[in-house]
Amino acid sequence: MITLFPPMGLLGASPGFSEILIVFIAVLVLFGPRQLPKLARRLGKLCEDLRSASQDFRDQIMDIDAESSSEAGRLSATVPSAEGADGKDSQPGGTREAEHDHEGEHTIEG
């Protein structure tokens, strides 16, 4: 089976040991050994904040989904069935007669 979009990691492929080592050395040269612990703490805090925000977002979506499901269930229980008074299924687009009531509004009878 040929896939159009094969699974890819970071930047098109999974980074190997040599790529990770190059990035680590570049960060060490740019920020220095004294700034590395502060940078790591900031990065850890950022990851924690992102995880927390994504969990909050996921929870909100689940709450909305649960509310809409319960609302749909409640509405389906209150909507009358599609059967007419004579027991036959009413078809959409069937013959209907429009009558005028005494206030001038249209009423539809099936």
PDB file of N, CA and C in Angstrom:
ATOM      1  N   MET A   1       0.841  -1.175   0.000  1.00  0.00           N
ATOM      2  CA  MET A   1       0.000   0.000   0.000  1.00  0.00           C
ATOM      3  C   MET A   1       0.885   1.236   0.000  1.00  0.00           C
ATOM      4  N   ILE A   2       0.619   2.142  -0.902  1.00  0.00           N
ATOM      5  CA  ILE A   2       1.405   3.367  -1.022  1.00  0.00           C
ATOM      6  C   ILE A   2       0.636   4.491  -0.347  1.00  0.00           C
ATOM      7  N   THR A   3       1.330   5.224   0.521  1.00  0.00           N
ATOM      8  CA  THR A   3       0.694   6.355   1.183  1.00  0.00           C
ATOM      9  C   THR A   3       1.227   7.649   0.595  1.00  0.00           C
ATOM     10  N   LEU A   4       0.342   8.610   0.457  1.00  0.00           N
ATOM     11  CA  LEU A   4       0.759   9.902  -0.079  1.00  0.00           C
ATOM     12  C   LEU A   4       1.551  10.707   0.938  1.00  0.00           C
ATOM     13  N   PHE A   5       1.171  10.590   2.207  1.00  0.00           N
ATOM     14  CA  PHE A   5       1.821  11.350   3.263  1.00  0.00           C
ATOM     15  C   PHE A   5       2.338  10.388   4.324  1.00  0.00           C
ATOM     16  N   PRO A   6       3.580   9.919   4.197  1.00  0.00           N
ATOM     17  CA  PRO A   6       4.112   8.999   5.201  1.00  0.00           C
ATOM     18  C   PRO A   6       4.288   9.721   6.533  1.00  0.00           C
ATOM     19  N   PRO A   7       4.246   8.987   7.643  1.00  0.00           N
ATOM     20  CA  PRO A   7       4.430   9.634   8.946  1.00  0.00           C
ATOM     21  C   PRO A   7       5.814  10.261   9.042  1.00  0.00           C
ATOM     22  N   MET A   8       5.851  11.501   9.520  1.00  0.00           N
ATOM     23  CA  MET A   8       7.116  12.219   9.612  1.00  0.00           C
ATOM     24  C   MET A   8       7.281  12.784  11.005  1.00  0.00           C
ATOM     25  N   GLY A   9       8.486  12.908  11.425  1.00  0.00           N
ATOM     26  CA  GLY A   9       8.797  13.508  12.713  1.00  0.00           C
ATOM     27  C   GLY A   9       9.121  14.972  12.550  1.00  0.00           C
ATOM     28  N   LEU A  10      10.029  15.449  13.363  1.00  0.00           N
ATOM     29  CA  LEU A  10      10.437  16.844  13.359  1.00  0.00           C
ATOM     30  C   LEU A  10      11.158  17.184  12.061  1.00  0.00           C
ATOM     31  N   LEU A  11      10.713  18.206  11.381  1.00  0.00           N
ATOM     32  CA  LEU A  11      11.324  18.702  10.144  1.00  0.00           C
ATOM     33  C   LEU A  11      11.418  17.640   9.048  1.00  0.00           C
ATOM     34  N   GLY A  12      10.429  16.803   8.940  1.00  0.00           N
ATOM     35  CA  GLY A  12      10.388  15.849   7.849  1.00  0.00           C
ATOM     36  C   GLY A  12      10.942  14.478   8.171  1.00  0.00           C
ATOM     37  N   ALA A  13      11.733  14.337   9.197  1.00  0.00           N
ATOM     38  CA  ALA A  13      12.276  13.039   9.579  1.00  0.00           C
ATOM     39  C   ALA A  13      12.595  13.065  11.068  1.00  0.00           C
ATOM     40  N   SER A  14      12.728  11.915  11.646  1.00  0.00           N
ATOM     41  CA  SER A  14      13.076  11.850  13.063  1.00  0.00           C
ATOM     42  C   SER A  14      14.531  12.263  13.247  1.00  0.00           C
ATOM     43  N   PRO A  15      14.796  13.153  14.203  1.00  0.00           N
ATOM     44  CA  PRO A  15      16.185  13.582  14.410  1.00  0.00           C
ATOM     45  C   PRO A  15      17.009  12.450  15.029  1.00  0.00           C
ATOM     46  N   GLY A  16      18.189  12.291  14.514  1.00  0.00           N
ATOM     47  CA  GLY A  16      19.090  11.280  15.043  1.00  0.00           C
ATOM     48  C   GLY A  16      19.969  11.853  16.140  1.00  0.00           C
ATOM     49  N   PHE A  17      20.887  11.027  16.634  1.00  0.00           N
ATOM     50  CA  PHE A  17      21.774  11.443  17.721  1.00  0.00           C
ATOM     51  C   PHE A  17      22.654  12.612  17.300  1.00  0.00           C
ATOM     52  N   SER A  18      23.168  12.561  16.073  1.00  0.00           N
ATOM     53  CA  SER A  18      24.075  13.628  15.626  1.00  0.00           C
ATOM     54  C   SER A  18      23.350  14.975  15.524  1.00  0.00           C
ATOM     55  N   GLU A  19      22.106  14.973  15.054  1.00  0.00           N
ATOM     56  CA  GLU A  19      21.357  16.226  14.974  1.00  0.00           C
ATOM     57  C   GLU A  19      21.081  16.801  16.360  1.00  0.00           C
ATOM     58  N   ILE A  20      20.706  15.951  17.298  1.00  0.00           N
ATOM     59  CA  ILE A  20      20.439  16.405  18.669  1.00  0.00           C
ATOM     60  C   ILE A  20      21.716  16.957  19.297  1.00  0.00           C
ATOM     61  N   LEU A  21      22.840  16.307  19.061  1.00  0.00           N
ATOM     62  CA  LEU A  21      24.118  16.772  19.593  1.00  0.00           C
ATOM     63  C   LEU A  21      24.492  18.137  19.009  1.00  0.00           C
ATOM     64  N   ILE A  22      24.263  18.332  17.728  1.00  0.00           N
ATOM     65  CA  ILE A  22      24.569  19.621  17.093  1.00  0.00           C
ATOM     66  C   ILE A  22      23.703  20.732  17.689  1.00  0.00           C
ATOM     67  N   VAL A  23      22.423  20.464  17.884  1.00  0.00           N
ATOM     68  CA  VAL A  23      21.530  21.466  18.478  1.00  0.00           C
ATOM     69  C   VAL A  23      21.968  21.780  19.901  1.00  0.00           C
ATOM     70  N   PHE A  24      22.326  20.773  20.683  1.00  0.00           N
ATOM     71  CA  PHE A  24      22.765  20.991  22.061  1.00  0.00           C
ATOM     72  C   PHE A  24      24.030  21.847  22.102  1.00  0.00           C
ATOM     73  N   ILE A  25      24.977  21.555  21.231  1.00  0.00           N
ATOM     74  CA  ILE A  25      26.222  22.337  21.194  1.00  0.00           C
ATOM     75  C   ILE A  25      25.933  23.780  20.770  1.00  0.00           C
ATOM     76  N   ALA A  26      25.045  23.968  19.802  1.00  0.00           N
ATOM     77  CA  ALA A  26      24.696  25.325  19.360  1.00  0.00           C
ATOM     78  C   ALA A  26      24.042  26.114  20.492  1.00  0.00           C
ATOM     79  N   VAL A  27      23.144  25.488  21.242  1.00  0.00           N
ATOM     80  CA  VAL A  27      22.498  26.159  22.378  1.00  0.00           C
ATOM     81  C   VAL A  27      23.527  26.479  23.444  1.00  0.00           C
ATOM     82  N   LEU A  28      24.439  25.564  23.705  1.00  0.00           N
ATOM     83  CA  LEU A  28      25.481  25.784  24.707  1.00  0.00           C
ATOM     84  C   LEU A  28      26.379  26.954  24.312  1.00  0.00           C
ATOM     85  N   VAL A  29      26.734  27.048  23.030  1.00  0.00           N
ATOM     86  CA  VAL A  29      27.588  28.144  22.564  1.00  0.00           C
ATOM     87  C   VAL A  29      26.834  29.473  22.611  1.00  0.00           C
ATOM     88  N   LEU A  30      25.570  29.471  22.190  1.00  0.00           N
ATOM     89  CA  LEU A  30      24.798  30.712  22.138  1.00  0.00           C
ATOM     90  C   LEU A  30      24.472  31.267  23.526  1.00  0.00           C
ATOM     91  N   PHE A  31      24.068  30.406  24.441  1.00  0.00           N
ATOM     92  CA  PHE A  31      23.598  30.878  25.743  1.00  0.00           C
ATOM     93  C   PHE A  31      24.620  30.715  26.861  1.00  0.00           C
ATOM     94  N   GLY A  32      25.584  29.867  26.681  1.00  0.00           N
ATOM     95  CA  GLY A  32      26.603  29.663  27.701  1.00  0.00           C
ATOM     96  C   GLY A  32      26.143  28.685  28.771  1.00  0.00           C
ATOM     97  N   PRO A  33      27.108  28.116  29.493  1.00  0.00           N
ATOM     98  CA  PRO A  33      26.770  27.104  30.497  1.00  0.00           C
ATOM     99  C   PRO A  33      26.008  27.683  31.693  1.00  0.00           C
ATOM    100  N   ARG A  34      26.156  28.969  31.982  1.00  0.00           N
ATOM    101  CA  ARG A  34      25.458  29.557  33.132  1.00  0.00           C
ATOM    102  C   ARG A  34      23.974  29.790  32.842  1.00  0.00           C
ATOM    103  N   GLN A  35      23.648  30.096  31.609  1.00  0.00           N
ATOM    104  CA  GLN A  35      22.256  30.367  31.241  1.00  0.00           C
ATOM    105  C   GLN A  35      21.469  29.094  30.911  1.00  0.00           C
ATOM    106  N   LEU A  36      22.166  27.979  30.729  1.00  0.00           N
ATOM    107  CA  LEU A  36      21.507  26.741  30.328  1.00  0.00           C
ATOM    108  C   LEU A  36      20.469  26.254  31.350  1.00  0.00           C
ATOM    109  N   PRO A  37      20.741  26.251  32.665  1.00  0.00           N
ATOM    110  CA  PRO A  37      19.707  25.820  33.620  1.00  0.00           C
ATOM    111  C   PRO A  37      18.467  26.717  33.607  1.00  0.00           C
ATOM    112  N   LYS A  38      18.661  28.042  33.494  1.00  0.00           N
ATOM    113  CA  LYS A  38      17.516  28.957  33.422  1.00  0.00           C
ATOM    114  C   LYS A  38      16.692  28.686  32.164  1.00  0.00           C
ATOM    115  N   LEU A  39      17.392  28.471  31.068  1.00  0.00           N
ATOM    116  CA  LEU A  39      16.716  28.192  29.807  1.00  0.00           C
ATOM    117  C   LEU A  39      15.917  26.885  29.897  1.00  0.00           C
ATOM    118  N   ALA A  40      16.508  25.883  30.527  1.00  0.00           N
ATOM    119  CA  ALA A  40      15.820  24.600  30.678  1.00  0.00           C
ATOM    120  C   ALA A  40      14.578  24.748  31.559  1.00  0.00           C
ATOM    121  N   ARG A  41      14.672  25.546  32.641  1.00  0.00           N
ATOM    122  CA  ARG A  41      13.509  25.778  33.500  1.00  0.00           C
ATOM    123  C   ARG A  41      12.395  26.493  32.742  1.00  0.00           C
ATOM    124  N   ARG A  42      12.773  27.507  31.968  1.00  0.00           N
ATOM    125  CA  ARG A  42      11.773  28.236  31.174  1.00  0.00           C
ATOM    126  C   ARG A  42      11.097  27.315  30.162  1.00  0.00           C
ATOM    127  N   LEU A  43      11.896  26.478  29.532  1.00  0.00           N
ATOM    128  CA  LEU A  43      11.350  25.546  28.555  1.00  0.00           C
ATOM    129  C   LEU A  43      10.409  24.543  29.227  1.00  0.00           C
ATOM    130  N   GLY A  44      10.793  24.056  30.393  1.00  0.00           N
ATOM    131  CA  GLY A  44       9.931  23.142  31.143  1.00  0.00           C
ATOM    132  C   GLY A  44       8.626  23.799  31.560  1.00  0.00           C
ATOM    133  N   LYS A  45       8.710  25.050  32.015  1.00  0.00           N
ATOM    134  CA  LYS A  45       7.507  25.795  32.412  1.00  0.00           C
ATOM    135  C   LYS A  45       6.597  26.016  31.205  1.00  0.00           C
ATOM    136  N   LEU A  46       7.198  26.338  30.065  1.00  0.00           N
ATOM    137  CA  LEU A  46       6.420  26.533  28.849  1.00  0.00           C
ATOM    138  C   LEU A  46       5.692  25.245  28.448  1.00  0.00           C
ATOM    139  N   CYS A  47       6.389  24.123  28.521  1.00  0.00           N
ATOM    140  CA  CYS A  47       5.765  22.839  28.187  1.00  0.00           C
ATOM    141  C   CYS A  47       4.620  22.523  29.144  1.00  0.00           C
ATOM    142  N   GLU A  48       4.812  22.800  30.431  1.00  0.00           N
ATOM    143  CA  GLU A  48       3.762  22.566  31.424  1.00  0.00           C
ATOM    144  C   GLU A  48       2.541  23.445  31.140  1.00  0.00           C
ATOM    145  N   ASP A  49       2.774  24.716  30.813  1.00  0.00           N
ATOM    146  CA  ASP A  49       1.672  25.626  30.500  1.00  0.00           C
ATOM    147  C   ASP A  49       0.915  25.176  29.253  1.00  0.00           C
ATOM    148  N   LEU A  50       1.650  24.730  28.245  1.00  0.00           N
ATOM    149  CA  LEU A  50       1.004  24.252  27.023  1.00  0.00           C
ATOM    150  C   LEU A  50       0.173  22.998  27.278  1.00  0.00           C
ATOM    151  N   ARG A  51       0.701  22.076  28.085  1.00  0.00           N
ATOM    152  CA  ARG A  51      -0.051  20.870  28.431  1.00  0.00           C
ATOM    153  C   ARG A  51      -1.327  21.219  29.186  1.00  0.00           C
ATOM    154  N   SER A  52      -1.203  22.145  30.139  1.00  0.00           N
ATOM    155  CA  SER A  52      -2.362  22.564  30.925  1.00  0.00           C
ATOM    156  C   SER A  52      -3.414  23.234  30.042  1.00  0.00           C
ATOM    157  N   ALA A  53      -2.979  24.103  29.150  1.00  0.00           N
ATOM    158  CA  ALA A  53      -3.915  24.786  28.254  1.00  0.00           C
ATOM    159  C   ALA A  53      -4.604  23.798  27.316  1.00  0.00           C
ATOM    160  N   SER A  54      -3.860  22.833  26.801  1.00  0.00           N
ATOM    161  CA  SER A  54      -4.471  21.857  25.903  1.00  0.00           C
ATOM    162  C   SER A  54      -5.459  20.965  26.650  1.00  0.00           C
ATOM    163  N   GLN A  55      -5.168  20.634  27.909  1.00  0.00           N
ATOM    164  CA  GLN A  55      -6.099  19.836  28.715  1.00  0.00           C
ATOM    165  C   GLN A  55      -7.372  20.632  29.009  1.00  0.00           C
ATOM    166  N   ASP A  56      -7.228  21.923  29.324  1.00  0.00           N
ATOM    167  CA  ASP A  56      -8.401  22.772  29.552  1.00  0.00           C
ATOM    168  C   ASP A  56      -9.258  22.863  28.295  1.00  0.00           C
ATOM    169  N   PHE A  57      -8.605  23.026  27.157  1.00  0.00           N
ATOM    170  CA  PHE A  57      -9.322  23.094  25.885  1.00  0.00           C
ATOM    171  C   PHE A  57     -10.053  21.784  25.615  1.00  0.00           C
ATOM    172  N   ARG A  58      -9.379  20.658  25.842  1.00  0.00           N
ATOM    173  CA  ARG A  58      -9.987  19.343  25.644  1.00  0.00           C
ATOM    174  C   ARG A  58     -11.197  19.165  26.556  1.00  0.00           C
ATOM    175  N   ASP A  59     -11.072  19.600  27.824  1.00  0.00           N
ATOM    176  CA  ASP A  59     -12.184  19.495  28.770  1.00  0.00           C
ATOM    177  C   ASP A  59     -13.379  20.332  28.323  1.00  0.00           C
ATOM    178  N   GLN A  60     -13.116  21.536  27.823  1.00  0.00           N
ATOM    179  CA  GLN A  60     -14.203  22.391  27.347  1.00  0.00           C
ATOM    180  C   GLN A  60     -14.921  21.759  26.159  1.00  0.00           C
ATOM    181  N   ILE A  61     -14.159  21.177  25.248  1.00  0.00           N
ATOM    182  CA  ILE A  61     -14.764  20.517  24.087  1.00  0.00           C
ATOM    183  C   ILE A  61     -15.614  19.333  24.537  1.00  0.00           C
ATOM    184  N   MET A  62     -15.129  18.557  25.483  1.00  0.00           N
ATOM    185  CA  MET A  62     -15.892  17.416  25.988  1.00  0.00           C
ATOM    186  C   MET A  62     -17.168  17.880  26.684  1.00  0.00           C
ATOM    187  N   ASP A  63     -17.108  18.975  27.445  1.00  0.00           N
ATOM    188  CA  ASP A  63     -18.296  19.518  28.105  1.00  0.00           C
ATOM    189  C   ASP A  63     -19.331  19.969  27.079  1.00  0.00           C
ATOM    190  N   ILE A  64     -18.875  20.661  26.043  1.00  0.00           N
ATOM    191  CA  ILE A  64     -19.791  21.118  24.997  1.00  0.00           C
ATOM    192  C   ILE A  64     -20.424  19.926  24.292  1.00  0.00           C
ATOM    193  N   ASP A  65     -19.639  18.891  24.026  1.00  0.00           N
ATOM    194  CA  ASP A  65     -20.151  17.695  23.373  1.00  0.00           C
ATOM    195  C   ASP A  65     -21.194  17.008  24.246  1.00  0.00           C
ATOM    196  N   ALA A  66     -20.919  16.907  25.543  1.00  0.00           N
ATOM    197  CA  ALA A  66     -21.869  16.272  26.456  1.00  0.00           C
ATOM    198  C   ALA A  66     -23.160  17.082  26.546  1.00  0.00           C
ATOM    199  N   GLU A  67     -23.040  18.410  26.595  1.00  0.00           N
ATOM    200  CA  GLU A  67     -24.230  19.262  26.649  1.00  0.00           C
ATOM    201  C   GLU A  67     -25.065  19.130  25.384  1.00  0.00           C
ATOM    202  N   SER A  68     -24.404  19.114  24.227  1.00  0.00           N
ATOM    203  CA  SER A  68     -25.156  19.010  22.973  1.00  0.00           C
ATOM    204  C   SER A  68     -25.809  17.640  22.841  1.00  0.00           C
ATOM    205  N   SER A  69     -25.156  16.593  23.329  1.00  0.00           N
ATOM    206  CA  SER A  69     -25.753  15.258  23.281  1.00  0.00           C
ATOM    207  C   SER A  69     -26.981  15.178  24.174  1.00  0.00           C
ATOM    208  N   SER A  70     -26.888  15.735  25.376  1.00  0.00           N
ATOM    209  CA  SER A  70     -28.039  15.697  26.277  1.00  0.00           C
ATOM    210  C   SER A  70     -29.164  16.573  25.750  1.00  0.00           C
ATOM    211  N   GLU A  71     -28.829  17.711  25.145  1.00  0.00           N
ATOM    212  CA  GLU A  71     -29.843  18.592  24.557  1.00  0.00           C
ATOM    213  C   GLU A  71     -30.525  17.898  23.387  1.00  0.00           C
ATOM    214  N   ALA A  72     -29.768  17.201  22.556  1.00  0.00           N
ATOM    215  CA  ALA A  72     -30.345  16.486  21.418  1.00  0.00           C
ATOM    216  C   ALA A  72     -31.257  15.363  21.902  1.00  0.00           C
ATOM    217  N   GLY A  73     -30.849  14.670  22.944  1.00  0.00           N
ATOM    218  CA  GLY A  73     -31.687  13.614  23.504  1.00  0.00           C
ATOM    219  C   GLY A  73     -32.973  14.167  24.083  1.00  0.00           C
ATOM    220  N   ARG A  74     -32.872  15.309  24.745  1.00  0.00           N
ATOM    221  CA  ARG A  74     -34.054  15.926  25.339  1.00  0.00           C
ATOM    222  C   ARG A  74     -34.998  16.406  24.245  1.00  0.00           C
ATOM    223  N   LEU A  75     -34.450  16.997  23.183  1.00  0.00           N
ATOM    224  CA  LEU A  75     -35.289  17.486  22.097  1.00  0.00           C
ATOM    225  C   LEU A  75     -35.938  16.348  21.322  1.00  0.00           C
ATOM    226  N   SER A  76     -35.223  15.259  21.110  1.00  0.00           N
ATOM    227  CA  SER A  76     -35.805  14.138  20.368  1.00  0.00           C
ATOM    228  C   SER A  76     -36.931  13.488  21.153  1.00  0.00           C
ATOM    229  N   ALA A  77     -36.897  13.590  22.473  1.00  0.00           N
ATOM    230  CA  ALA A  77     -37.973  13.037  23.285  1.00  0.00           C
ATOM    231  C   ALA A  77     -39.217  13.916  23.221  1.00  0.00           C
ATOM    232  N   THR A  78     -39.063  15.206  22.968  1.00  0.00           N
ATOM    233  CA  THR A  78     -40.214  16.102  22.932  1.00  0.00           C
ATOM    234  C   THR A  78     -40.794  16.282  21.541  1.00  0.00           C
ATOM    235  N   VAL A  79     -40.059  15.932  20.485  1.00  0.00           N
ATOM    236  CA  VAL A  79     -40.545  16.080  19.116  1.00  0.00           C
ATOM    237  C   VAL A  79     -41.478  14.920  18.806  1.00  0.00           C
ATOM    238  N   PRO A  80     -42.682  15.193  18.262  1.00  0.00           N
ATOM    239  CA  PRO A  80     -43.593  14.092  17.930  1.00  0.00           C
ATOM    240  C   PRO A  80     -43.032  13.258  16.789  1.00  0.00           C
ATOM    241  N   SER A  81     -43.516  12.042  16.686  1.00  0.00           N
ATOM    242  CA  SER A  81     -43.013  11.153  15.642  1.00  0.00           C
ATOM    243  C   SER A  81     -43.450  11.645  14.277  1.00  0.00           C
ATOM    244  N   ALA A  82     -42.853  11.107  13.224  1.00  0.00           N
ATOM    245  CA  ALA A  82     -43.118  11.541  11.859  1.00  0.00           C
ATOM    246  C   ALA A  82     -44.376  10.905  11.293  1.00  0.00           C
ATOM    247  N   GLU A  83     -45.071  10.063  12.045  1.00  0.00           N
ATOM    248  CA  GLU A  83     -46.286   9.431  11.561  1.00  0.00           C
ATOM    249  C   GLU A  83     -47.450  10.400  11.662  1.00  0.00           C
ATOM    250  N   GLY A  84     -48.326  10.337  10.678  1.00  0.00           N
ATOM    251  CA  GLY A  84     -49.512  11.188  10.676  1.00  0.00           C
ATOM    252  C   GLY A  84     -50.560  10.628  11.624  1.00  0.00           C
ATOM    253  N   ALA A  85     -51.682  11.275  11.691  1.00  0.00           N
ATOM    254  CA  ALA A  85     -52.753  10.854  12.585  1.00  0.00           C
ATOM    255  C   ALA A  85     -53.359   9.534  12.143  1.00  0.00           C
ATOM    256  N   ASP A  86     -53.297   9.214  10.839  1.00  0.00           N
ATOM    257  CA  ASP A  86     -53.878   7.972  10.357  1.00  0.00           C
ATOM    258  C   ASP A  86     -52.907   6.801  10.436  1.00  0.00           C
ATOM    259  N   GLY A  87     -51.701   7.020  10.961  1.00  0.00           N
ATOM    260  CA  GLY A  87     -50.737   5.944  11.140  1.00  0.00           C
ATOM    261  C   GLY A  87     -49.792   5.768   9.975  1.00  0.00           C
ATOM    262  N   LYS A  88     -50.025   6.474   8.867  1.00  0.00           N
ATOM    263  CA  LYS A  88     -49.138   6.371   7.711  1.00  0.00           C
ATOM    264  C   LYS A  88     -47.997   7.355   7.867  1.00  0.00           C
ATOM    265  N   ASP A  89     -46.856   6.987   7.334  1.00  0.00           N
ATOM    266  CA  ASP A  89     -45.711   7.895   7.380  1.00  0.00           C
ATOM    267  C   ASP A  89     -45.988   9.086   6.481  1.00  0.00           C
ATOM    268  N   SER A  90     -45.738  10.269   6.991  1.00  0.00           N
ATOM    269  CA  SER A  90     -45.890  11.458   6.152  1.00  0.00           C
ATOM    270  C   SER A  90     -44.585  11.685   5.407  1.00  0.00           C
ATOM    271  N   GLN A  91     -44.698  11.951   4.137  1.00  0.00           N
ATOM    272  CA  GLN A  91     -43.529  12.151   3.292  1.00  0.00           C
ATOM    273  C   GLN A  91     -43.264  13.635   3.140  1.00  0.00           C
ATOM    274  N   PRO A  92     -41.991  14.046   3.196  1.00  0.00           N
ATOM    275  CA  PRO A  92     -41.702  15.451   2.933  1.00  0.00           C
ATOM    276  C   PRO A  92     -42.032  15.788   1.488  1.00  0.00           C
ATOM    277  N   GLY A  93     -42.608  16.937   1.275  1.00  0.00           N
ATOM    278  CA  GLY A  93     -42.950  17.353  -0.073  1.00  0.00           C
ATOM    279  C   GLY A  93     -44.253  16.750  -0.555  1.00  0.00           C
ATOM    280  N   GLY A  94     -44.991  16.105   0.314  1.00  0.00           N
ATOM    281  CA  GLY A  94     -46.275  15.532  -0.053  1.00  0.00           C
ATOM    282  C   GLY A  94     -47.299  16.623  -0.255  1.00  0.00           C
ATOM    283  N   THR A  95     -48.536  16.202  -0.544  1.00  0.00           N
ATOM    284  CA  THR A  95     -49.576  17.204  -0.771  1.00  0.00           C
ATOM    285  C   THR A  95     -49.983  17.813   0.553  1.00  0.00           C
ATOM    286  N   ARG A  96     -49.956  19.108   0.582  1.00  0.00           N
ATOM    287  CA  ARG A  96     -50.373  19.847   1.763  1.00  0.00           C
ATOM    288  C   ARG A  96     -51.265  20.988   1.307  1.00  0.00           C
ATOM    289  N   GLU A  97     -52.176  21.335   2.131  1.00  0.00           N
ATOM    290  CA  GLU A  97     -53.072  22.425   1.797  1.00  0.00           C
ATOM    291  C   GLU A  97     -52.801  23.583   2.732  1.00  0.00           C
ATOM    292  N   ALA A  98     -52.713  24.759   2.169  1.00  0.00           N
ATOM    293  CA  ALA A  98     -52.529  25.955   2.984  1.00  0.00           C
ATOM    294  C   ALA A  98     -53.876  26.618   3.156  1.00  0.00           C
ATOM    295  N   GLU A  99     -54.212  26.912   4.364  1.00  0.00           N
ATOM    296  CA  GLU A  99     -55.473  27.571   4.653  1.00  0.00           C
ATOM    297  C   GLU A  99     -55.194  28.894   5.335  1.00  0.00           C
ATOM    298  N   HIS A 100     -56.102  29.791   5.180  1.00  0.00           N
ATOM    299  CA  HIS A 100     -56.002  31.069   5.870  1.00  0.00           C
ATOM    300  C   HIS A 100     -56.851  30.974   7.127  1.00  0.00           C
ATOM    301  N   ASP A 101     -56.260  31.309   8.256  1.00  0.00           N
ATOM    302  CA  ASP A 101     -57.087  31.377   9.453  1.00  0.00           C
ATOM    303  C   ASP A 101     -57.688  32.764   9.549  1.00  0.00           C
ATOM    304  N   HIS A 102     -58.441  33.020  10.550  1.00  0.00           N
ATOM    305  CA  HIS A 102     -59.160  34.279  10.646  1.00  0.00           C
ATOM    306  C   HIS A 102     -58.265  35.472  10.917  1.00  0.00           C
ATOM    307  N   GLU A 103     -56.979  35.280  11.198  1.00  0.00           N
ATOM    308  CA  GLU A 103     -56.074  36.408  11.402  1.00  0.00           C
ATOM    309  C   GLU A 103     -55.253  36.711  10.150  1.00  0.00           C
ATOM    310  N   GLY A 104     -55.422  35.936   9.095  1.00  0.00           N
ATOM    311  CA  GLY A 104     -54.710  36.194   7.856  1.00  0.00           C
ATOM    312  C   GLY A 104     -53.383  35.459   7.756  1.00  0.00           C
ATOM    313  N   GLU A 105     -53.030  34.603   8.717  1.00  0.00           N
ATOM    314  CA  GLU A 105     -51.789  33.844   8.670  1.00  0.00           C
ATOM    315  C   GLU A 105     -52.041  32.511   8.002  1.00  0.00           C
ATOM    316  N   HIS A 106     -50.999  31.945   7.436  1.00  0.00           N
ATOM    317  CA  HIS A 106     -51.111  30.655   6.771  1.00  0.00           C
ATOM    318  C   HIS A 106     -50.907  29.543   7.788  1.00  0.00           C
ATOM    319  N   THR A 107     -51.709  28.507   7.679  1.00  0.00           N
ATOM    320  CA  THR A 107     -51.488  27.294   8.454  1.00  0.00           C
ATOM    321  C   THR A 107     -51.345  26.157   7.473  1.00  0.00           C
ATOM    322  N   ILE A 108     -50.539  25.182   7.819  1.00  0.00           N
ATOM    323  CA  ILE A 108     -50.279  24.060   6.927  1.00  0.00           C
ATOM    324  C   ILE A 108     -50.868  22.818   7.555  1.00  0.00           C
ATOM    325  N   GLU A 109     -51.656  22.107   6.764  1.00  0.00           N
ATOM    326  CA  GLU A 109     -52.219  20.850   7.226  1.00  0.00           C
ATOM    327  C   GLU A 109     -51.722  19.743   6.323  1.00  0.00           C
ATOM    328  N   GLY A 110     -51.453  18.580   6.890  1.00  0.00           N
ATOM    329  CA  GLY A 110     -50.898  17.505   6.089  1.00  0.00           C
ATOM    330  C   GLY A 110     -51.828  16.424   5.782  1.00  0.00           C
TER     331      GLY A 110
END
